[in-house]
């Protein structure tokens, strides 16, 4: 088994993995965004030319994020997930990340805990359709909003992710909204 960097040729594999897991929000476009932002942190495990797993490690300066750790079903319980995770951690540490976060799928939590990640909170996944309503204070995000949105995100997240926010605005503008300050009586 070897671990290598993801390429554009792996995008359909990545999307296929997340689809099989029922993760509806991780599409080829999401993986393309990871590749565009931090390509060296996008990892693929393969064995005899067959792709058998993946993990995404993204550096935001002092903070890192691990996600999308999936090993194909018939290759699980062989240490592949651990190897991907450890390589992702090493990559982030080499980039200077002093704190590494992850959003763990419930079946993988024991692996994360064995490696040393503390349990901070439970992450909930909601699936369904929400019927939106128009609101006068919600507007489509504009490029001129990026600094203010980035500053708010930085205050909450703790790292500058304007590059990622800009990518989302460029590629998925219909999902990018802002809210103006509501003045009350």
N, C-alpha and C. Protein backbone atom coordinates (compact mmCIF):
# COMPACT_ATOMS: atom_id res chain seq x y z
N UNK A 1 0.85 -1.18 0.00
CA UNK A 1 0.00 0.00 0.00
C UNK A 1 0.90 1.24 0.00
N UNK A 2 0.53 2.21 -0.81
CA UNK A 2 1.24 3.48 -0.81
C UNK A 2 0.23 4.62 -0.73
N UNK A 3 0.68 5.73 -0.20
CA UNK A 3 -0.15 6.93 -0.12
C UNK A 3 0.50 7.98 -1.00
N UNK A 4 -0.32 8.59 -1.83
CA UNK A 4 0.16 9.60 -2.77
C UNK A 4 -0.79 10.80 -2.75
N UNK A 5 -0.39 11.83 -3.44
CA UNK A 5 -1.24 13.02 -3.56
C UNK A 5 -2.38 12.75 -4.54
N UNK A 6 -3.52 13.30 -4.23
CA UNK A 6 -4.69 13.21 -5.11
C UNK A 6 -4.44 14.05 -6.36
N UNK A 7 -5.03 13.63 -7.47
CA UNK A 7 -4.99 14.40 -8.71
C UNK A 7 -6.42 14.58 -9.21
N UNK A 8 -6.57 15.35 -10.27
CA UNK A 8 -7.90 15.53 -10.87
C UNK A 8 -8.49 14.19 -11.30
N UNK A 9 -7.64 13.24 -11.66
CA UNK A 9 -8.13 11.92 -12.07
C UNK A 9 -8.78 11.14 -10.93
N UNK A 10 -8.58 11.59 -9.69
CA UNK A 10 -9.14 10.91 -8.52
C UNK A 10 -10.46 11.51 -8.05
N UNK A 11 -10.92 12.58 -8.69
CA UNK A 11 -12.12 13.26 -8.21
C UNK A 11 -13.35 12.36 -8.26
N UNK A 12 -13.50 11.56 -9.30
CA UNK A 12 -14.67 10.68 -9.38
C UNK A 12 -14.58 9.59 -8.31
N UNK A 13 -13.38 9.09 -8.02
CA UNK A 13 -13.20 8.11 -6.94
C UNK A 13 -13.61 8.72 -5.61
N UNK A 14 -13.16 9.95 -5.34
CA UNK A 14 -13.48 10.61 -4.08
C UNK A 14 -14.99 10.78 -3.94
N UNK A 15 -15.64 11.25 -4.99
CA UNK A 15 -17.08 11.43 -4.94
C UNK A 15 -17.80 10.10 -4.78
N UNK A 16 -17.32 9.08 -5.43
CA UNK A 16 -17.92 7.74 -5.31
C UNK A 16 -17.83 7.25 -3.86
N UNK A 17 -16.69 7.48 -3.22
CA UNK A 17 -16.53 7.07 -1.82
C UNK A 17 -17.53 7.76 -0.91
N UNK A 18 -17.67 9.08 -1.07
CA UNK A 18 -18.58 9.80 -0.19
C UNK A 18 -20.03 9.45 -0.48
N UNK A 19 -20.34 9.19 -1.73
CA UNK A 19 -21.70 8.78 -2.09
C UNK A 19 -22.05 7.46 -1.43
N UNK A 20 -21.12 6.50 -1.48
CA UNK A 20 -21.36 5.19 -0.84
C UNK A 20 -21.54 5.31 0.66
N UNK A 21 -20.91 6.33 1.27
CA UNK A 21 -21.06 6.55 2.71
C UNK A 21 -22.32 7.34 3.04
N UNK A 22 -22.99 7.87 2.00
CA UNK A 22 -24.18 8.67 2.23
C UNK A 22 -23.89 10.11 2.58
N UNK A 23 -22.68 10.58 2.30
CA UNK A 23 -22.30 11.96 2.57
C UNK A 23 -22.68 12.78 1.35
N UNK A 24 -23.80 13.44 1.41
CA UNK A 24 -24.36 14.11 0.24
C UNK A 24 -23.67 15.42 -0.12
N UNK A 25 -23.00 16.05 0.81
CA UNK A 25 -22.43 17.37 0.53
C UNK A 25 -21.05 17.32 -0.10
N UNK A 26 -20.37 16.19 -0.06
CA UNK A 26 -19.02 16.10 -0.62
C UNK A 26 -19.09 15.61 -2.05
N UNK A 27 -18.94 16.53 -2.98
CA UNK A 27 -19.03 16.22 -4.41
C UNK A 27 -17.66 16.40 -5.05
N UNK A 28 -17.57 16.06 -6.33
CA UNK A 28 -16.31 16.27 -7.06
C UNK A 28 -15.89 17.73 -6.99
N UNK A 29 -16.84 18.65 -7.02
CA UNK A 29 -16.49 20.08 -6.92
C UNK A 29 -15.89 20.43 -5.57
N UNK A 30 -16.35 19.80 -4.51
CA UNK A 30 -15.77 20.05 -3.19
C UNK A 30 -14.33 19.56 -3.17
N UNK A 31 -14.09 18.38 -3.72
CA UNK A 31 -12.72 17.86 -3.76
C UNK A 31 -11.84 18.70 -4.68
N UNK A 32 -12.41 19.21 -5.75
CA UNK A 32 -11.66 20.11 -6.64
C UNK A 32 -11.25 21.36 -5.86
N UNK A 33 -12.12 21.84 -4.98
CA UNK A 33 -11.79 23.01 -4.15
C UNK A 33 -10.64 22.68 -3.20
N UNK A 34 -10.68 21.52 -2.57
CA UNK A 34 -9.56 21.11 -1.70
C UNK A 34 -8.27 21.06 -2.49
N UNK A 35 -8.32 20.47 -3.69
CA UNK A 35 -7.12 20.39 -4.53
C UNK A 35 -6.62 21.78 -4.90
N UNK A 36 -7.53 22.69 -5.16
CA UNK A 36 -7.13 24.04 -5.51
C UNK A 36 -6.52 24.81 -4.35
N UNK A 37 -6.96 24.51 -3.15
CA UNK A 37 -6.49 25.25 -1.98
C UNK A 37 -5.23 24.65 -1.36
N UNK A 38 -5.22 23.35 -1.17
CA UNK A 38 -4.11 22.70 -0.46
C UNK A 38 -3.86 21.31 -1.08
N UNK A 39 -3.35 21.27 -2.31
CA UNK A 39 -3.24 19.99 -3.02
C UNK A 39 -2.37 18.94 -2.34
N UNK A 40 -1.31 19.36 -1.66
CA UNK A 40 -0.43 18.38 -1.03
C UNK A 40 -1.09 17.67 0.14
N UNK A 41 -2.18 18.24 0.67
CA UNK A 41 -2.89 17.61 1.78
C UNK A 41 -4.00 16.67 1.34
N UNK A 42 -4.21 16.55 0.05
CA UNK A 42 -5.25 15.65 -0.48
C UNK A 42 -4.59 14.31 -0.78
N UNK A 43 -4.95 13.29 0.00
CA UNK A 43 -4.23 12.02 -0.03
C UNK A 43 -5.09 10.89 -0.56
N UNK A 44 -4.45 10.01 -1.32
CA UNK A 44 -5.08 8.80 -1.85
C UNK A 44 -4.22 7.61 -1.45
N UNK A 45 -4.85 6.57 -0.92
CA UNK A 45 -4.16 5.31 -0.65
C UNK A 45 -4.47 4.37 -1.81
N UNK A 46 -3.45 3.69 -2.27
CA UNK A 46 -3.69 2.71 -3.33
C UNK A 46 -2.84 1.48 -3.10
N UNK A 47 -3.32 0.40 -3.67
CA UNK A 47 -2.67 -0.89 -3.53
C UNK A 47 -2.75 -1.59 -4.88
N UNK A 48 -1.60 -1.92 -5.44
CA UNK A 48 -1.53 -2.59 -6.74
C UNK A 48 -2.32 -1.81 -7.80
N UNK A 49 -2.21 -0.48 -7.76
CA UNK A 49 -2.88 0.37 -8.73
C UNK A 49 -4.35 0.65 -8.45
N UNK A 50 -4.91 0.04 -7.43
CA UNK A 50 -6.31 0.25 -7.06
C UNK A 50 -6.40 1.29 -5.95
N UNK A 51 -7.25 2.29 -6.14
CA UNK A 51 -7.48 3.29 -5.10
C UNK A 51 -8.33 2.65 -4.00
N UNK A 52 -7.85 2.75 -2.76
CA UNK A 52 -8.53 2.07 -1.66
C UNK A 52 -8.89 2.98 -0.50
N UNK A 53 -8.51 4.26 -0.57
CA UNK A 53 -8.86 5.16 0.51
C UNK A 53 -8.42 6.57 0.21
N UNK A 54 -8.90 7.48 1.06
CA UNK A 54 -8.54 8.89 0.90
C UNK A 54 -8.65 9.61 2.23
N UNK A 55 -8.00 10.77 2.29
CA UNK A 55 -8.08 11.65 3.45
C UNK A 55 -7.69 13.04 2.98
N UNK A 56 -8.34 14.05 3.52
CA UNK A 56 -8.03 15.43 3.19
C UNK A 56 -7.48 16.12 4.43
N UNK A 57 -6.31 16.73 4.30
CA UNK A 57 -5.68 17.50 5.37
C UNK A 57 -5.49 18.92 4.86
N UNK A 58 -6.12 19.89 5.49
CA UNK A 58 -6.10 21.27 5.03
C UNK A 58 -5.47 22.16 6.09
N UNK A 59 -4.48 22.94 5.68
CA UNK A 59 -3.81 23.86 6.60
C UNK A 59 -4.39 25.26 6.47
N UNK A 60 -4.70 25.85 7.62
CA UNK A 60 -5.13 27.24 7.70
C UNK A 60 -4.18 27.97 8.64
N UNK A 61 -2.92 27.98 8.31
CA UNK A 61 -1.93 28.61 9.18
C UNK A 61 -1.67 27.74 10.40
N UNK A 62 -1.96 28.28 11.57
CA UNK A 62 -1.71 27.54 12.82
C UNK A 62 -2.72 26.42 13.06
N UNK A 63 -3.80 26.41 12.29
CA UNK A 63 -4.84 25.42 12.48
C UNK A 63 -4.91 24.49 11.26
N UNK A 64 -5.18 23.23 11.54
CA UNK A 64 -5.37 22.27 10.46
C UNK A 64 -6.70 21.56 10.63
N UNK A 65 -7.18 21.02 9.53
CA UNK A 65 -8.44 20.29 9.55
C UNK A 65 -8.26 19.00 8.77
N UNK A 66 -8.70 17.90 9.36
CA UNK A 66 -8.70 16.59 8.70
C UNK A 66 -10.13 16.18 8.40
N UNK A 67 -10.36 15.64 7.25
CA UNK A 67 -11.70 15.20 6.91
C UNK A 67 -11.70 14.23 5.74
N UNK A 68 -12.88 13.79 5.41
CA UNK A 68 -13.10 12.91 4.26
C UNK A 68 -12.23 11.66 4.31
N UNK A 69 -11.99 11.15 5.51
CA UNK A 69 -11.23 9.91 5.66
C UNK A 69 -12.17 8.74 5.37
N UNK A 70 -11.90 8.06 4.26
CA UNK A 70 -12.71 6.90 3.87
C UNK A 70 -11.79 5.83 3.33
N UNK A 71 -12.00 4.62 3.78
CA UNK A 71 -11.35 3.44 3.21
C UNK A 71 -12.45 2.59 2.60
N UNK A 72 -12.23 2.10 1.39
CA UNK A 72 -13.27 1.31 0.73
C UNK A 72 -13.60 0.10 1.60
N UNK A 73 -14.85 -0.31 1.57
CA UNK A 73 -15.39 -1.29 2.52
C UNK A 73 -14.58 -2.58 2.60
N UNK A 74 -14.16 -3.13 1.48
CA UNK A 74 -13.48 -4.42 1.52
C UNK A 74 -12.01 -4.33 1.95
N UNK A 75 -11.54 -3.11 2.25
CA UNK A 75 -10.15 -2.93 2.69
C UNK A 75 -10.04 -2.38 4.11
N UNK A 76 -11.15 -2.31 4.81
CA UNK A 76 -11.14 -1.75 6.16
C UNK A 76 -10.54 -2.73 7.17
N UNK A 77 -10.15 -2.18 8.31
CA UNK A 77 -9.57 -2.95 9.42
C UNK A 77 -8.22 -3.55 9.07
N UNK A 78 -7.47 -2.84 8.21
CA UNK A 78 -6.12 -3.27 7.83
C UNK A 78 -5.08 -2.19 8.12
N UNK A 79 -5.49 -1.11 8.82
CA UNK A 79 -4.55 -0.05 9.16
C UNK A 79 -4.43 1.04 8.10
N UNK A 80 -5.22 0.97 7.05
CA UNK A 80 -5.14 1.94 5.96
C UNK A 80 -5.64 3.31 6.43
N UNK A 81 -6.75 3.32 7.14
CA UNK A 81 -7.28 4.59 7.67
C UNK A 81 -6.30 5.24 8.62
N UNK A 82 -5.72 4.45 9.48
CA UNK A 82 -4.72 4.98 10.42
C UNK A 82 -3.53 5.56 9.67
N UNK A 83 -3.04 4.85 8.65
CA UNK A 83 -1.90 5.34 7.87
C UNK A 83 -2.24 6.66 7.17
N UNK A 84 -3.43 6.75 6.58
CA UNK A 84 -3.86 8.00 5.94
C UNK A 84 -3.94 9.13 6.96
N UNK A 85 -4.54 8.83 8.10
CA UNK A 85 -4.70 9.84 9.14
C UNK A 85 -3.34 10.31 9.65
N UNK A 86 -2.43 9.39 9.90
CA UNK A 86 -1.11 9.76 10.40
C UNK A 86 -0.33 10.57 9.37
N UNK A 87 -0.48 10.24 8.09
CA UNK A 87 0.21 11.03 7.07
C UNK A 87 -0.40 12.43 6.99
N UNK A 88 -1.72 12.52 7.12
CA UNK A 88 -2.37 13.83 7.14
C UNK A 88 -1.92 14.67 8.33
N UNK A 89 -1.81 14.05 9.49
CA UNK A 89 -1.34 14.75 10.69
C UNK A 89 0.09 15.24 10.49
N UNK A 90 0.95 14.37 9.98
CA UNK A 90 2.35 14.75 9.75
C UNK A 90 2.44 15.92 8.76
N UNK A 91 1.63 15.87 7.72
CA UNK A 91 1.61 16.95 6.75
C UNK A 91 1.24 18.27 7.42
N UNK A 92 0.18 18.26 8.23
CA UNK A 92 -0.26 19.48 8.89
C UNK A 92 0.78 19.98 9.90
N UNK A 93 1.39 19.08 10.63
CA UNK A 93 2.42 19.50 11.58
C UNK A 93 3.61 20.11 10.84
N UNK A 94 3.98 19.53 9.71
CA UNK A 94 5.08 20.09 8.91
C UNK A 94 4.74 21.46 8.35
N UNK A 95 3.47 21.74 8.18
CA UNK A 95 3.02 23.06 7.70
C UNK A 95 2.93 24.07 8.85
N UNK A 96 3.18 23.63 10.09
CA UNK A 96 3.18 24.54 11.22
C UNK A 96 1.87 24.58 12.00
N UNK A 97 0.96 23.69 11.72
CA UNK A 97 -0.30 23.65 12.46
C UNK A 97 -0.04 23.17 13.89
N UNK A 98 -0.48 23.93 14.86
CA UNK A 98 -0.34 23.50 16.25
C UNK A 98 -1.63 22.92 16.81
N UNK A 99 -2.74 23.15 16.13
CA UNK A 99 -4.02 22.56 16.51
C UNK A 99 -4.62 21.93 15.26
N UNK A 100 -5.08 20.69 15.40
CA UNK A 100 -5.68 19.97 14.28
C UNK A 100 -7.06 19.51 14.72
N UNK A 101 -8.04 19.86 13.92
CA UNK A 101 -9.42 19.49 14.20
C UNK A 101 -9.92 18.51 13.15
N UNK A 102 -10.93 17.77 13.51
CA UNK A 102 -11.60 16.92 12.53
C UNK A 102 -13.06 16.79 12.91
N UNK A 103 -13.84 16.47 11.92
CA UNK A 103 -15.26 16.23 12.12
C UNK A 103 -15.45 14.75 11.82
N UNK A 104 -15.54 13.95 12.85
CA UNK A 104 -15.52 12.51 12.68
C UNK A 104 -16.88 11.88 12.49
N UNK A 105 -16.96 11.03 11.49
CA UNK A 105 -18.14 10.19 11.31
C UNK A 105 -18.17 9.19 12.46
N UNK A 106 -19.32 8.94 13.03
CA UNK A 106 -19.44 8.13 14.25
C UNK A 106 -18.68 6.80 14.20
N UNK A 107 -18.75 6.01 13.12
CA UNK A 107 -18.00 4.75 13.12
C UNK A 107 -16.49 4.92 13.22
N UNK A 108 -15.96 6.07 12.86
CA UNK A 108 -14.51 6.28 12.89
C UNK A 108 -14.01 6.91 14.19
N UNK A 109 -14.91 7.31 15.08
CA UNK A 109 -14.51 7.98 16.32
C UNK A 109 -13.52 7.14 17.13
N UNK A 110 -13.69 5.83 17.29
CA UNK A 110 -12.70 5.06 18.05
C UNK A 110 -11.28 5.16 17.48
N UNK A 111 -11.15 5.20 16.16
CA UNK A 111 -9.82 5.37 15.54
C UNK A 111 -9.24 6.72 15.93
N UNK A 112 -10.02 7.77 15.82
CA UNK A 112 -9.54 9.11 16.15
C UNK A 112 -9.12 9.19 17.62
N UNK A 113 -9.90 8.57 18.49
CA UNK A 113 -9.57 8.58 19.91
C UNK A 113 -8.29 7.78 20.19
N UNK A 114 -8.10 6.64 19.51
CA UNK A 114 -6.87 5.85 19.70
C UNK A 114 -5.64 6.64 19.27
N UNK A 115 -5.78 7.49 18.27
CA UNK A 115 -4.65 8.29 17.80
C UNK A 115 -4.39 9.47 18.73
N UNK A 116 -5.37 9.84 19.54
CA UNK A 116 -5.16 10.89 20.53
C UNK A 116 -6.07 12.09 20.41
N UNK A 117 -7.02 12.07 19.48
CA UNK A 117 -7.95 13.18 19.38
C UNK A 117 -8.96 13.09 20.52
N UNK A 118 -9.14 14.19 21.27
CA UNK A 118 -10.16 14.17 22.33
C UNK A 118 -11.54 14.38 21.72
N UNK A 119 -12.52 13.85 22.39
CA UNK A 119 -13.91 14.05 21.97
C UNK A 119 -14.34 15.42 22.49
N UNK A 120 -14.67 16.34 21.57
CA UNK A 120 -15.06 17.69 21.97
C UNK A 120 -16.58 17.84 21.97
N UNK A 121 -17.22 17.40 20.90
CA UNK A 121 -18.66 17.52 20.80
C UNK A 121 -19.18 16.54 19.76
N UNK A 122 -20.45 16.30 19.79
CA UNK A 122 -21.07 15.43 18.80
C UNK A 122 -21.50 16.26 17.60
N UNK A 123 -21.21 15.76 16.44
CA UNK A 123 -21.58 16.45 15.21
C UNK A 123 -22.84 15.80 14.67
N UNK A 124 -23.82 16.61 14.37
CA UNK A 124 -25.09 16.10 13.85
C UNK A 124 -25.17 16.32 12.35
N UNK A 125 -25.77 15.38 11.68
CA UNK A 125 -26.00 15.49 10.24
C UNK A 125 -27.50 15.55 10.01
N UNK A 126 -27.93 16.53 9.27
CA UNK A 126 -29.34 16.68 8.96
C UNK A 126 -29.54 16.49 7.46
N UNK A 127 -30.53 15.73 7.12
CA UNK A 127 -30.84 15.47 5.72
C UNK A 127 -32.31 15.81 5.50
N UNK A 128 -32.58 16.47 4.41
CA UNK A 128 -33.96 16.82 4.10
C UNK A 128 -34.01 18.05 3.23
N UNK A 129 -35.17 18.54 3.04
CA UNK A 129 -35.35 19.75 2.23
C UNK A 129 -35.94 20.84 3.10
N UNK A 130 -35.41 22.01 2.93
CA UNK A 130 -35.90 23.17 3.64
C UNK A 130 -36.43 24.14 2.60
N UNK A 131 -37.61 24.58 2.81
CA UNK A 131 -38.20 25.56 1.89
C UNK A 131 -37.80 26.95 2.39
N UNK A 132 -37.02 27.64 1.57
CA UNK A 132 -36.54 28.96 1.94
C UNK A 132 -37.58 30.04 1.75
N UNK A 133 -37.39 31.11 2.45
CA UNK A 133 -38.25 32.28 2.30
C UNK A 133 -37.36 33.49 2.06
N UNK A 134 -37.86 34.39 1.27
CA UNK A 134 -37.14 35.63 1.01
C UNK A 134 -37.15 36.48 2.26
N UNK A 135 -36.02 37.15 2.51
CA UNK A 135 -35.91 38.06 3.63
C UNK A 135 -35.15 39.29 3.15
N UNK A 136 -35.67 40.45 3.44
CA UNK A 136 -35.10 41.70 2.93
C UNK A 136 -33.65 41.94 3.38
N UNK A 137 -33.22 41.34 4.49
CA UNK A 137 -31.87 41.56 5.01
C UNK A 137 -30.85 40.57 4.46
N UNK A 138 -31.31 39.54 3.75
CA UNK A 138 -30.41 38.56 3.18
C UNK A 138 -30.18 38.90 1.71
N UNK A 139 -28.91 39.02 1.35
CA UNK A 139 -28.53 39.43 0.00
C UNK A 139 -27.49 38.46 -0.56
N UNK A 140 -27.43 38.36 -1.88
CA UNK A 140 -26.33 37.58 -2.47
C UNK A 140 -24.98 38.21 -2.08
N UNK A 141 -24.04 37.38 -1.72
CA UNK A 141 -22.71 37.87 -1.36
C UNK A 141 -22.02 38.41 -2.61
N UNK A 142 -21.29 39.50 -2.41
CA UNK A 142 -20.53 40.14 -3.49
C UNK A 142 -19.04 40.05 -3.15
N UNK A 143 -18.16 40.12 -4.14
CA UNK A 143 -16.72 40.12 -3.84
C UNK A 143 -16.33 41.20 -2.83
N UNK A 144 -17.03 42.33 -2.84
CA UNK A 144 -16.72 43.40 -1.89
C UNK A 144 -17.06 43.02 -0.44
N UNK A 145 -17.83 41.96 -0.24
CA UNK A 145 -18.18 41.50 1.10
C UNK A 145 -17.12 40.57 1.70
N UNK A 146 -16.18 40.12 0.88
CA UNK A 146 -15.25 39.07 1.29
C UNK A 146 -14.43 39.46 2.52
N UNK A 147 -13.94 40.68 2.60
CA UNK A 147 -13.13 41.05 3.76
C UNK A 147 -13.93 41.01 5.05
N UNK A 148 -15.17 41.51 5.02
CA UNK A 148 -16.00 41.49 6.23
C UNK A 148 -16.40 40.06 6.60
N UNK A 149 -16.78 39.26 5.62
CA UNK A 149 -17.14 37.87 5.89
C UNK A 149 -15.91 37.10 6.38
N UNK A 150 -14.76 37.36 5.75
CA UNK A 150 -13.52 36.71 6.18
C UNK A 150 -13.14 37.08 7.60
N UNK A 151 -13.33 38.34 7.96
CA UNK A 151 -13.01 38.78 9.32
C UNK A 151 -13.92 38.10 10.34
N UNK A 152 -15.21 37.99 10.02
CA UNK A 152 -16.15 37.29 10.91
C UNK A 152 -15.77 35.81 11.03
N UNK A 153 -15.48 35.18 9.90
CA UNK A 153 -15.08 33.77 9.92
C UNK A 153 -13.80 33.58 10.73
N UNK A 154 -12.84 34.47 10.55
CA UNK A 154 -11.59 34.39 11.29
C UNK A 154 -11.83 34.53 12.79
N UNK A 155 -12.72 35.43 13.18
CA UNK A 155 -13.02 35.62 14.60
C UNK A 155 -13.64 34.37 15.21
N UNK A 156 -14.46 33.67 14.44
CA UNK A 156 -15.13 32.47 14.95
C UNK A 156 -14.24 31.23 14.81
N UNK A 157 -13.60 31.06 13.65
CA UNK A 157 -12.80 29.86 13.38
C UNK A 157 -11.40 29.97 13.96
N UNK A 158 -10.83 31.18 13.93
CA UNK A 158 -9.49 31.37 14.47
C UNK A 158 -8.38 31.36 13.44
N UNK A 159 -8.71 31.34 12.17
CA UNK A 159 -7.69 31.35 11.12
C UNK A 159 -8.28 32.02 9.88
N UNK A 160 -7.40 32.53 9.04
CA UNK A 160 -7.82 33.23 7.83
C UNK A 160 -8.17 32.20 6.75
N UNK A 161 -9.44 32.13 6.41
CA UNK A 161 -9.89 31.20 5.36
C UNK A 161 -10.50 31.96 4.17
N UNK A 162 -10.07 33.22 3.97
CA UNK A 162 -10.62 33.99 2.86
C UNK A 162 -10.39 33.32 1.51
N UNK A 163 -9.29 32.62 1.36
CA UNK A 163 -9.03 31.92 0.10
C UNK A 163 -10.13 30.90 -0.18
N UNK A 164 -10.51 30.16 0.83
CA UNK A 164 -11.57 29.16 0.69
C UNK A 164 -12.92 29.84 0.46
N UNK A 165 -13.19 30.90 1.21
CA UNK A 165 -14.44 31.63 1.04
C UNK A 165 -14.53 32.22 -0.37
N UNK A 166 -13.43 32.75 -0.87
CA UNK A 166 -13.41 33.31 -2.21
C UNK A 166 -13.67 32.23 -3.26
N UNK A 167 -13.08 31.06 -3.06
CA UNK A 167 -13.32 29.95 -3.99
C UNK A 167 -14.80 29.60 -4.03
N UNK A 168 -15.40 29.51 -2.85
CA UNK A 168 -16.83 29.19 -2.79
C UNK A 168 -17.67 30.27 -3.49
N UNK A 169 -17.30 31.52 -3.27
CA UNK A 169 -18.03 32.62 -3.91
C UNK A 169 -17.90 32.56 -5.43
N UNK A 170 -16.71 32.26 -5.91
CA UNK A 170 -16.49 32.18 -7.37
C UNK A 170 -17.20 31.00 -8.01
N UNK A 171 -17.22 29.87 -7.33
CA UNK A 171 -17.73 28.64 -7.93
C UNK A 171 -19.16 28.28 -7.52
N UNK A 172 -19.62 28.78 -6.38
CA UNK A 172 -20.95 28.45 -5.89
C UNK A 172 -21.67 29.70 -5.41
N UNK A 173 -21.76 30.73 -6.24
CA UNK A 173 -22.31 32.01 -5.76
C UNK A 173 -23.75 31.93 -5.27
N UNK A 174 -24.54 31.00 -5.80
CA UNK A 174 -25.93 30.95 -5.37
C UNK A 174 -26.08 30.51 -3.91
N UNK A 175 -25.03 29.90 -3.35
CA UNK A 175 -25.08 29.47 -1.95
C UNK A 175 -24.43 30.48 -1.00
N UNK A 176 -23.90 31.56 -1.53
CA UNK A 176 -23.20 32.56 -0.72
C UNK A 176 -24.12 33.74 -0.47
N UNK A 177 -24.45 33.95 0.77
CA UNK A 177 -25.38 35.02 1.16
C UNK A 177 -24.77 35.81 2.31
N UNK A 178 -25.20 37.03 2.44
CA UNK A 178 -24.84 37.87 3.59
C UNK A 178 -26.12 38.40 4.19
N UNK A 179 -26.00 38.87 5.40
CA UNK A 179 -27.14 39.49 6.07
C UNK A 179 -26.71 40.87 6.54
N UNK A 180 -27.53 41.83 6.29
CA UNK A 180 -27.22 43.19 6.73
C UNK A 180 -27.67 43.35 8.18
N UNK A 181 -27.10 44.33 8.83
CA UNK A 181 -27.45 44.60 10.21
C UNK A 181 -28.92 45.02 10.28
N UNK A 182 -29.61 44.43 11.19
CA UNK A 182 -31.02 44.75 11.39
C UNK A 182 -31.11 45.80 12.50
N UNK A 183 -31.63 46.95 12.16
CA UNK A 183 -31.78 48.02 13.16
C UNK A 183 -33.12 47.88 13.85
N UNK A 184 -33.08 47.84 15.14
CA UNK A 184 -34.31 47.69 15.92
C UNK A 184 -34.62 49.01 16.61
N UNK A 185 -35.94 49.29 16.68
CA UNK A 185 -36.54 50.45 17.25
C UNK A 185 -35.79 51.22 18.19
